[in-house]
Amino acid sequence: MMNRKDFFKYGGRWAILSGIGILSTFLALNQKIVTPGNCSVAPQCKNCGKLAQCILPQANKEKNNGK
């Protein structure tokens, strides 16, 4: 049988785990999490407003005029 102390301990762990899961899902669905090497903003760098700050290889190629 679970006592009060164990109930709060396990309940707190599940609450934190659930919060992390919900936050991760929210960020992934809103495209705030980007895997390295993939752009989620624009498929073509010319149309992207973040080109000046981007460090992805395709952006560097676009900055160097295709070289």
Protein backbone atom coordinates (compact mmCIF):
# COMPACT_ATOMS: atom_id res chain seq x y z
CA MET A 1 0.00 0.00 0.00
CA MET A 2 1.22 3.50 -0.84
CA ASN A 3 1.64 5.99 1.96
CA ARG A 4 1.21 9.75 1.68
CA LYS A 5 4.92 10.45 1.22
CA ASP A 6 5.22 7.97 -1.66
CA PHE A 7 2.03 9.34 -3.24
CA PHE A 8 3.47 12.87 -3.41
CA LYS A 9 6.89 11.63 -4.53
CA TYR A 10 5.53 9.56 -7.42
CA GLY A 11 2.84 12.12 -8.22
CA GLY A 12 5.47 14.85 -8.50
CA ARG A 13 7.60 12.73 -10.80
CA TRP A 14 4.67 12.02 -13.09
CA ALA A 15 3.65 15.69 -13.11
CA ILE A 16 7.15 16.77 -14.15
CA LEU A 17 7.39 14.02 -16.78
CA SER A 18 3.98 14.95 -18.17
CA GLY A 19 4.94 18.62 -18.30
CA ILE A 20 8.12 17.85 -20.22
CA GLY A 21 6.17 15.66 -22.65
CA ILE A 22 3.48 18.27 -23.23
CA LEU A 23 6.05 21.04 -23.71
CA SER A 24 8.08 18.93 -26.15
CA THR A 25 4.98 18.09 -28.17
CA PHE A 26 3.91 21.74 -28.23
CA LEU A 27 7.32 22.89 -29.44
CA ALA A 28 7.55 20.15 -32.07
CA LEU A 29 4.10 20.90 -33.45
CA ASN A 30 4.88 24.61 -33.67
CA GLN A 31 8.20 23.87 -35.41
CA LYS A 32 10.31 25.43 -32.65
CA ILE A 33 12.49 22.32 -32.50
CA VAL A 34 14.70 21.93 -35.57
CA THR A 35 16.95 18.98 -36.19
CA PRO A 36 20.47 19.91 -37.31
CA GLY A 37 20.73 20.22 -41.07
CA ASN A 38 17.02 20.71 -41.69
CA CYS A 39 15.31 24.04 -42.25
CA SER A 40 11.74 24.47 -41.09
CA VAL A 41 11.32 28.08 -42.21
CA ALA A 42 11.60 28.16 -45.99
CA PRO A 43 12.59 25.50 -48.51
CA GLN A 44 14.47 28.12 -50.54
CA CYS A 45 16.98 30.33 -48.78
CA LYS A 46 16.28 33.32 -51.03
CA ASN A 47 12.80 33.65 -49.54
CA CYS A 48 13.93 33.34 -45.93
CA GLY A 49 14.13 36.29 -43.59
CA LYS A 50 16.67 34.49 -41.41
CA LEU A 51 19.29 33.99 -44.12
CA ALA A 52 21.79 36.42 -42.58
CA GLN A 53 21.89 34.49 -39.26
CA CYS A 54 21.52 30.96 -40.66
CA ILE A 55 24.45 28.54 -40.39
CA LEU A 56 23.02 25.64 -42.39
CA PRO A 57 25.07 24.46 -45.40
CA GLN A 58 22.44 25.45 -47.95
CA ALA A 59 22.30 28.97 -46.48
CA ASN A 60 26.09 29.29 -46.62
CA LYS A 61 25.98 28.20 -50.25
CA GLU A 62 23.34 30.83 -50.99
CA LYS A 63 25.40 33.52 -49.19
CA ASN A 64 28.42 32.63 -51.35
CA ASN A 65 26.34 32.90 -54.56
CA GLY A 66 26.13 29.16 -55.14
CA LYS A 67 29.85 28.41 -54.67
